[in-house]
C-alpha atoms as a PDB file:
ATOM      1  CA  UNK A   1     -33.257  17.963   7.121  1.00  0.00           C
ATOM      2  CA  UNK A   2     -32.525  15.152   8.582  1.00  0.00           C
ATOM      3  CA  UNK A   3     -33.128  12.916  11.874  1.00  0.00           C
ATOM      4  CA  UNK A   4     -30.067  13.065  13.713  1.00  0.00           C
ATOM      5  CA  UNK A   5     -29.467  11.014  16.924  1.00  0.00           C
ATOM      6  CA  UNK A   6     -26.700  12.371  19.759  1.00  0.00           C
ATOM      7  CA  UNK A   7     -26.167  10.496  22.335  1.00  0.00           C
ATOM      8  CA  UNK A   8     -23.328  12.364  24.667  1.00  0.00           C
ATOM      9  CA  UNK A   9     -22.812  12.574  27.802  1.00  0.00           C
ATOM     10  CA  UNK A  10     -21.367  15.723  28.666  1.00  0.00           C
ATOM     11  CA  UNK A  11     -24.728  17.722  28.673  1.00  0.00           C
ATOM     12  CA  UNK A  12     -22.710  21.513  27.768  1.00  0.00           C
ATOM     13  CA  UNK A  13     -21.321  19.691  24.677  1.00  0.00           C
ATOM     14  CA  UNK A  14     -24.474  17.365  24.042  1.00  0.00           C
ATOM     15  CA  UNK A  15     -26.738  20.855  24.049  1.00  0.00           C
ATOM     16  CA  UNK A  16     -23.981  22.513  21.663  1.00  0.00           C
ATOM     17  CA  UNK A  17     -24.239  20.150  19.053  1.00  0.00           C
ATOM     18  CA  UNK A  18     -28.063  20.015  19.512  1.00  0.00           C
ATOM     19  CA  UNK A  19     -27.760  23.914  19.146  1.00  0.00           C
ATOM     20  CA  UNK A  20     -25.938  23.872  15.631  1.00  0.00           C
ATOM     21  CA  UNK A  21     -27.782  20.968  14.730  1.00  0.00           C
ATOM     22  CA  UNK A  22     -31.637  22.905  14.664  1.00  0.00           C
ATOM     23  CA  UNK A  23     -30.498  25.798  13.411  1.00  0.00           C
ATOM     24  CA  UNK A  24     -29.001  23.639  10.312  1.00  0.00           C
ATOM     25  CA  UNK A  25     -32.705  22.642   9.722  1.00  0.00           C
ATOM     26  CA  UNK A  26     -32.236  18.989  11.457  1.00  0.00           C
ATOM     27  CA  UNK A  27     -34.232  17.562  13.289  1.00  0.00           C
ATOM     28  CA  UNK A  28     -32.906  16.450  16.095  1.00  0.00           C
ATOM     29  CA  UNK A  29     -32.987  13.881  19.712  1.00  0.00           C
ATOM     30  CA  UNK A  30     -30.679  13.839  22.609  1.00  0.00           C
ATOM     31  CA  UNK A  31     -29.029  11.139  24.624  1.00  0.00           C
ATOM     32  CA  UNK A  32     -26.731  10.322  27.198  1.00  0.00           C
ATOM     33  CA  UNK A  33     -25.964   7.293  27.762  1.00  0.00           C
ATOM     34  CA  UNK A  34     -26.861   3.897  25.850  1.00  0.00           C
ATOM     35  CA  UNK A  35     -29.425   3.108  27.756  1.00  0.00           C
ATOM     36  CA  UNK A  36     -31.350   6.567  26.680  1.00  0.00           C
ATOM     37  CA  UNK A  37     -30.386   5.926  22.875  1.00  0.00           C
ATOM     38  CA  UNK A  38     -32.110   2.766  23.037  1.00  0.00           C
ATOM     39  CA  UNK A  39     -35.301   4.242  23.721  1.00  0.00           C
ATOM     40  CA  UNK A  40     -34.104   7.329  20.396  1.00  0.00           C
ATOM     41  CA  UNK A  41     -33.997   4.747  17.989  1.00  0.00           C
ATOM     42  CA  UNK A  42     -37.677   4.309  17.754  1.00  0.00           C
ATOM     43  CA  UNK A  43     -37.798   5.505  14.004  1.00  0.00           C
ATOM     44  CA  UNK A  44     -34.983   5.181  13.023  1.00  0.00           C
ATOM     45  CA  UNK A  45     -33.006   8.257  12.691  1.00  0.00           C
ATOM     46  CA  UNK A  46     -30.965   9.146   9.236  1.00  0.00           C
ATOM     47  CA  UNK A  47     -27.447   9.344  11.431  1.00  0.00           C
ATOM     48  CA  UNK A  48     -26.406   9.138  15.096  1.00  0.00           C
ATOM     49  CA  UNK A  49     -23.768  11.167  16.546  1.00  0.00           C
ATOM     50  CA  UNK A  50     -22.351   8.216  19.097  1.00  0.00           C
ATOM     51  CA  UNK A  51     -19.760   9.373  22.080  1.00  0.00           C
ATOM     52  CA  UNK A  52     -17.510   6.195  22.370  1.00  0.00           C
ATOM     53  CA  UNK A  53     -16.729   6.430  26.220  1.00  0.00           C
ATOM     54  CA  UNK A  54     -20.100   6.042  27.834  1.00  0.00           C
ATOM     55  CA  UNK A  55     -21.775   5.641  32.039  1.00  0.00           C
ATOM     56  CA  UNK A  56     -22.798   3.204  30.382  1.00  0.00           C
ATOM     57  CA  UNK A  57     -20.292   1.436  28.482  1.00  0.00           C
ATOM     58  CA  UNK A  58     -18.179   1.448  25.390  1.00  0.00           C
ATOM     59  CA  UNK A  59     -19.666   2.242  22.082  1.00  0.00           C
ATOM     60  CA  UNK A  60     -17.372  -0.115  20.140  1.00  0.00           C
ATOM     61  CA  UNK A  61     -19.140  -3.397  22.346  1.00  0.00           C
ATOM     62  CA  UNK A  62     -22.189  -1.801  21.561  1.00  0.00           C
ATOM     63  CA  UNK A  63     -22.839  -0.211  18.412  1.00  0.00           C
ATOM     64  CA  UNK A  64     -22.015  -4.082  16.599  1.00  0.00           C
ATOM     65  CA  UNK A  65     -24.873  -5.122  18.433  1.00  0.00           C
ATOM     66  CA  UNK A  66     -26.839  -2.702  16.856  1.00  0.00           C
ATOM     67  CA  UNK A  67     -25.456  -3.193  13.491  1.00  0.00           C
ATOM     68  CA  UNK A  68     -27.240  -6.913  13.790  1.00  0.00           C
ATOM     69  CA  UNK A  69     -30.654  -4.470  13.579  1.00  0.00           C
ATOM     70  CA  UNK A  70     -29.833  -1.157  12.432  1.00  0.00           C
ATOM     71  CA  UNK A  71     -27.539   0.180   9.700  1.00  0.00           C
ATOM     72  CA  UNK A  72     -27.446   3.318  10.231  1.00  0.00           C
ATOM     73  CA  UNK A  73     -25.188   5.542  10.050  1.00  0.00           C
ATOM     74  CA  UNK A  74     -22.869   6.597  13.139  1.00  0.00           C
ATOM     75  CA  UNK A  75     -20.049   8.479  13.567  1.00  0.00           C
ATOM     76  CA  UNK A  76     -17.994   8.285  16.654  1.00  0.00           C
ATOM     77  CA  UNK A  77     -16.915  11.120  18.976  1.00  0.00           C
ATOM     78  CA  UNK A  78     -13.522  11.216  21.447  1.00  0.00           C
ATOM     79  CA  UNK A  79     -10.992  11.826  23.012  1.00  0.00           C
ATOM     80  CA  UNK A  80      -8.756   9.467  22.398  1.00  0.00           C
ATOM     81  CA  UNK A  81      -6.765  10.262  18.783  1.00  0.00           C
ATOM     82  CA  UNK A  82      -4.333   7.255  18.348  1.00  0.00           C
ATOM     83  CA  UNK A  83      -4.698   5.358  14.837  1.00  0.00           C
ATOM     84  CA  UNK A  84      -5.238   1.966  16.934  1.00  0.00           C
ATOM     85  CA  UNK A  85      -8.313   3.635  18.651  1.00  0.00           C
ATOM     86  CA  UNK A  86      -9.431   4.797  15.413  1.00  0.00           C
ATOM     87  CA  UNK A  87      -9.482   1.590  13.831  1.00  0.00           C
ATOM     88  CA  UNK A  88     -10.857  -0.038  16.518  1.00  0.00           C
ATOM     89  CA  UNK A  89     -13.662   2.573  15.942  1.00  0.00           C
ATOM     90  CA  UNK A  90     -14.244   2.005  11.912  1.00  0.00           C
ATOM     91  CA  UNK A  91     -13.548  -2.322  13.377  1.00  0.00           C
ATOM     92  CA  UNK A  92     -16.498  -1.800  14.953  1.00  0.00           C
ATOM     93  CA  UNK A  93     -18.488  -0.216  12.473  1.00  0.00           C
ATOM     94  CA  UNK A  94     -18.692   3.532  12.183  1.00  0.00           C
ATOM     95  CA  UNK A  95     -18.790   5.317   9.414  1.00  0.00           C
ATOM     96  CA  UNK A  96     -16.939   7.971  10.668  1.00  0.00           C
ATOM     97  CA  UNK A  97     -14.470   9.196  13.490  1.00  0.00           C
ATOM     98  CA  UNK A  98     -14.002  12.306  14.519  1.00  0.00           C
ATOM     99  CA  UNK A  99     -11.519  13.601  17.739  1.00  0.00           C
ATOM    100  CA  UNK A 100     -12.322  16.390  19.846  1.00  0.00           C
ATOM    101  CA  UNK A 101     -11.598  19.018  20.959  1.00  0.00           C
ATOM    102  CA  UNK A 102     -13.411  19.967  16.595  1.00  0.00           C
ATOM    103  CA  UNK A 103     -14.563  23.604  15.729  1.00  0.00           C
ATOM    104  CA  UNK A 104     -18.398  23.332  14.615  1.00  0.00           C
ATOM    105  CA  UNK A 105     -18.345  23.641  10.559  1.00  0.00           C
ATOM    106  CA  UNK A 106     -15.464  20.420  10.698  1.00  0.00           C
ATOM    107  CA  UNK A 107     -18.944  18.518  12.665  1.00  0.00           C
ATOM    108  CA  UNK A 108     -20.937  19.802  10.123  1.00  0.00           C
ATOM    109  CA  UNK A 109     -19.212  19.143   6.807  1.00  0.00           C
ATOM    110  CA  UNK A 110     -18.646  15.929   8.236  1.00  0.00           C
ATOM    111  CA  UNK A 111     -21.852  14.830   8.803  1.00  0.00           C
ATOM    112  CA  UNK A 112     -23.202  16.607   5.900  1.00  0.00           C
ATOM    113  CA  UNK A 113     -21.048  14.046   3.913  1.00  0.00           C
ATOM    114  CA  UNK A 114     -22.176  11.106   5.657  1.00  0.00           C
ATOM    115  CA  UNK A 115     -25.720  11.513   5.377  1.00  0.00           C
ATOM    116  CA  UNK A 116     -24.934  12.309   1.443  1.00  0.00           C
ATOM    117  CA  UNK A 117     -22.893   9.060   1.059  1.00  0.00           C
ATOM    118  CA  UNK A 118     -26.040   6.756   2.567  1.00  0.00           C
ATOM    119  CA  UNK A 119     -28.272   8.108   0.351  1.00  0.00           C
ATOM    120  CA  UNK A 120     -30.355   5.680  -2.174  1.00  0.00           C
ATOM    121  CA  UNK A 121     -29.380   4.713  -5.495  1.00  0.00           C
ATOM    122  CA  UNK A 122     -30.535   3.267  -8.732  1.00  0.00           C
ATOM    123  CA  UNK A 123     -32.840   0.080  -8.822  1.00  0.00           C
ATOM    124  CA  UNK A 124     -30.683  -2.021 -10.576  1.00  0.00           C
ATOM    125  CA  UNK A 125     -29.481  -5.756  -9.422  1.00  0.00           C
ATOM    126  CA  UNK A 126     -24.779  -6.177 -10.447  1.00  0.00           C
ATOM    127  CA  UNK A 127     -24.587 -10.184 -10.927  1.00  0.00           C
ATOM    128  CA  UNK A 128     -21.304 -11.200 -10.602  1.00  0.00           C
ATOM    129  CA  UNK A 129     -19.776 -15.016  -9.880  1.00  0.00           C
ATOM    130  CA  UNK A 130     -21.198 -15.479  -6.415  1.00  0.00           C
ATOM    131  CA  UNK A 131     -21.755 -11.989  -5.709  1.00  0.00           C
ATOM    132  CA  UNK A 132     -25.075 -10.479  -6.169  1.00  0.00           C
ATOM    133  CA  UNK A 133     -25.672  -6.959  -5.175  1.00  0.00           C
ATOM    134  CA  UNK A 134     -29.055  -5.551  -5.132  1.00  0.00           C
ATOM    135  CA  UNK A 135     -28.513  -1.377  -5.444  1.00  0.00           C
ATOM    136  CA  UNK A 136     -32.556  -0.796  -3.735  1.00  0.00           C
ATOM    137  CA  UNK A 137     -32.852  -2.479  -1.249  1.00  0.00           C
ATOM    138  CA  UNK A 138     -28.735  -2.185  -0.663  1.00  0.00           C
ATOM    139  CA  UNK A 139     -28.305  -5.726  -0.340  1.00  0.00           C
ATOM    140  CA  UNK A 140     -25.278  -7.897  -1.014  1.00  0.00           C
ATOM    141  CA  UNK A 141     -25.381 -11.863  -0.822  1.00  0.00           C
ATOM    142  CA  UNK A 142     -21.924 -13.965  -1.480  1.00  0.00           C
ATOM    143  CA  UNK A 143     -23.433 -17.897  -2.884  1.00  0.00           C
ATOM    144  CA  UNK A 144     -26.778 -17.892  -0.629  1.00  0.00           C
ATOM    145  CA  UNK A 145     -25.024 -15.930   2.432  1.00  0.00           C
ATOM    146  CA  UNK A 146     -26.764 -12.536   3.129  1.00  0.00           C
ATOM    147  CA  UNK A 147     -23.304  -9.616   3.582  1.00  0.00           C
ATOM    148  CA  UNK A 148     -24.145  -6.962   6.065  1.00  0.00           C
ATOM    149  CA  UNK A 149     -22.406  -3.662   5.145  1.00  0.00           C
ATOM    150  CA  UNK A 150     -21.918  -0.636   7.036  1.00  0.00           C
ATOM    151  CA  UNK A 151     -23.381   2.659   4.790  1.00  0.00           C
ATOM    152  CA  UNK A 152     -19.173   3.365   4.165  1.00  0.00           C
ATOM    153  CA  UNK A 153     -18.791  -0.302   2.784  1.00  0.00           C
ATOM    154  CA  UNK A 154     -22.014   0.237   1.179  1.00  0.00           C
ATOM    155  CA  UNK A 155     -20.649   3.767  -0.600  1.00  0.00           C
ATOM    156  CA  UNK A 156     -17.416   1.859  -1.404  1.00  0.00           C
ATOM    157  CA  UNK A 157     -18.804  -0.509  -3.006  1.00  0.00           C
ATOM    158  CA  UNK A 158     -21.399   0.808  -5.391  1.00  0.00           C
ATOM    159  CA  UNK A 159     -19.140   2.940  -6.186  1.00  0.00           C
ATOM    160  CA  UNK A 160     -16.386  -0.040  -7.429  1.00  0.00           C
ATOM    161  CA  UNK A 161     -19.324  -1.670  -9.280  1.00  0.00           C
ATOM    162  CA  UNK A 162     -20.324   1.678 -11.529  1.00  0.00           C
ATOM    163  CA  UNK A 163     -16.612   1.773 -12.639  1.00  0.00           C
ATOM    164  CA  UNK A 164     -16.203  -1.558 -12.896  1.00  0.00           C
ATOM    165  CA  UNK A 165     -12.182  -1.870 -14.270  1.00  0.00           C
ATOM    166  CA  UNK A 166     -11.738   1.482 -14.211  1.00  0.00           C
ATOM    167  CA  UNK A 167      -9.122   3.172 -11.520  1.00  0.00           C
ATOM    168  CA  UNK A 168     -10.377   4.859  -8.528  1.00  0.00           C
ATOM    169  CA  UNK A 169      -7.762   6.975  -7.548  1.00  0.00           C
ATOM    170  CA  UNK A 170      -7.310   7.420  -3.544  1.00  0.00           C
ATOM    171  CA  UNK A 171      -8.193  10.920  -4.377  1.00  0.00           C
ATOM    172  CA  UNK A 172     -10.848  10.277  -6.782  1.00  0.00           C
ATOM    173  CA  UNK A 173     -12.475   8.029  -3.272  1.00  0.00           C
ATOM    174  CA  UNK A 174     -11.765  10.379  -0.760  1.00  0.00           C
ATOM    175  CA  UNK A 175     -13.538  12.727  -2.478  1.00  0.00           C
ATOM    176  CA  UNK A 176     -16.780  10.993  -3.846  1.00  0.00           C
ATOM    177  CA  UNK A 177     -16.858   8.574  -0.799  1.00  0.00           C
ATOM    178  CA  UNK A 178     -16.260  10.835   2.065  1.00  0.00           C
ATOM    179  CA  UNK A 179     -16.672  14.180   1.163  1.00  0.00           C
ATOM    180  CA  UNK A 180     -17.472  16.142  -2.475  1.00  0.00           C
ATOM    181  CA  UNK A 181     -14.640  18.279  -1.827  1.00  0.00           C
ATOM    182  CA  UNK A 182     -12.241  15.994  -0.115  1.00  0.00           C
ATOM    183  CA  UNK A 183     -11.826  17.886   2.896  1.00  0.00           C
ATOM    184  CA  UNK A 184     -11.354  16.783   6.692  1.00  0.00           C
ATOM    185  CA  UNK A 185     -10.509  13.608   5.771  1.00  0.00           C
ATOM    186  CA  UNK A 186      -7.651  11.389   6.136  1.00  0.00           C
ATOM    187  CA  UNK A 187      -5.965   8.639   4.105  1.00  0.00           C
ATOM    188  CA  UNK A 188      -5.727   5.567   6.366  1.00  0.00           C
ATOM    189  CA  UNK A 189      -9.809   5.999   6.955  1.00  0.00           C
ATOM    190  CA  UNK A 190     -10.502   4.298   3.478  1.00  0.00           C
ATOM    191  CA  UNK A 191      -7.457   1.890   3.776  1.00  0.00           C
ATOM    192  CA  UNK A 192      -9.276   0.837   6.753  1.00  0.00           C
ATOM    193  CA  UNK A 193     -12.684   0.642   5.031  1.00  0.00           C
ATOM    194  CA  UNK A 194     -11.452  -0.723   2.041  1.00  0.00           C
ATOM    195  CA  UNK A 195      -9.534  -3.331   4.207  1.00  0.00           C
ATOM    196  CA  UNK A 196     -12.808  -4.380   6.012  1.00  0.00           C
ATOM    197  CA  UNK A 197     -14.406  -4.885   2.910  1.00  0.00           C
ATOM    198  CA  UNK A 198     -12.122  -6.964   1.338  1.00  0.00           C
ATOM    199  CA  UNK A 199     -12.900  -9.443   4.475  1.00  0.00           C
ATOM    200  CA  UNK A 200     -16.477  -9.307   3.591  1.00  0.00           C
ATOM    201  CA  UNK A 201     -16.283 -10.237  -0.126  1.00  0.00           C
ATOM    202  CA  UNK A 202     -12.804 -11.622  -0.955  1.00  0.00           C
ATOM    203  CA  UNK A 203     -12.566 -15.366  -0.364  1.00  0.00           C
ATOM    204  CA  UNK A 204      -8.963 -14.844   0.705  1.00  0.00           C
ATOM    205  CA  UNK A 205      -8.479 -10.525   1.840  1.00  0.00           C
ATOM    206  CA  UNK A 206      -5.165 -11.029   1.573  1.00  0.00           C
ATOM    207  CA  UNK A 207      -5.151 -11.985  -2.254  1.00  0.00           C
ATOM    208  CA  UNK A 208      -7.746  -9.784  -3.433  1.00  0.00           C
ATOM    209  CA  UNK A 209      -9.402 -11.112  -6.196  1.00  0.00           C
ATOM    210  CA  UNK A 210     -12.073  -8.523  -6.922  1.00  0.00           C
ATOM    211  CA  UNK A 211     -10.875  -4.942  -5.427  1.00  0.00           C
ATOM    212  CA  UNK A 212      -6.928  -4.335  -6.719  1.00  0.00           C
ATOM    213  CA  UNK A 213      -5.109  -2.314  -5.494  1.00  0.00           C
ATOM    214  CA  UNK A 214      -2.920  -0.479  -8.122  1.00  0.00           C
ATOM    215  CA  UNK A 215       0.044   0.851  -6.328  1.00  0.00           C
ATOM    216  CA  UNK A 216       1.033   3.796  -6.270  1.00  0.00           C
ATOM    217  CA  UNK A 217      -2.740   4.880  -7.374  1.00  0.00           C
ATOM    218  CA  UNK A 218      -5.285   3.431  -5.818  1.00  0.00           C
ATOM    219  CA  UNK A 219      -7.951   0.328  -6.840  1.00  0.00           C
ATOM    220  CA  UNK A 220      -9.154  -0.913  -9.354  1.00  0.00           C
ATOM    221  CA  UNK A 221     -12.578  -3.923  -9.301  1.00  0.00           C
ATOM    222  CA  UNK A 222     -12.433  -6.716 -11.595  1.00  0.00           C
ATOM    223  CA  UNK A 223     -14.880  -8.923 -12.418  1.00  0.00           C
ATOM    224  CA  UNK A 224     -14.960 -13.257 -11.615  1.00  0.00           C
END
């Protein structure tokens, strides 16, 4: 059971999602706008399902502000289905991106995948060069600077750190980071999140030294 906040201005769709989630045993709160959402964030939900286009603003503009205070996983809902729109959503800090119309079983699977990968890990600290990552505290520090990561970026980082110097195929990453069975995931979502993670941890993201590309296969973490 998870605490889920559904933010959608279409009342019929909002109520339908809430009904499906409640039937699955989740605790659900709803809002129809960004202003309404702010009032529902007290107590910190486990997940937010957030429509991109709301009456009082674009959620892609709002999410970076939320990320400064809260790392709650966020799934964007939108009718915008171009690659450019999807990349903009991930760049804003979303953990997943679902285009309308969608089926309820698909939504439930994507929700469970995000909840699974945002769970806690063992209490240990990884140090290498200027990079320090605290698994228990979910805290990444490079030099003396604390680096904020989205839940998806955290899951990717932990997967790399727990499999250092091993080649992780794209299929393996998709299966273990998004969905245990590898369903309903597009490879470009992985590429976008790898790029965003590199921008935060690499001195030169264009020539990465930590997350190395193994062409035609996947990626590998290299010690410094």
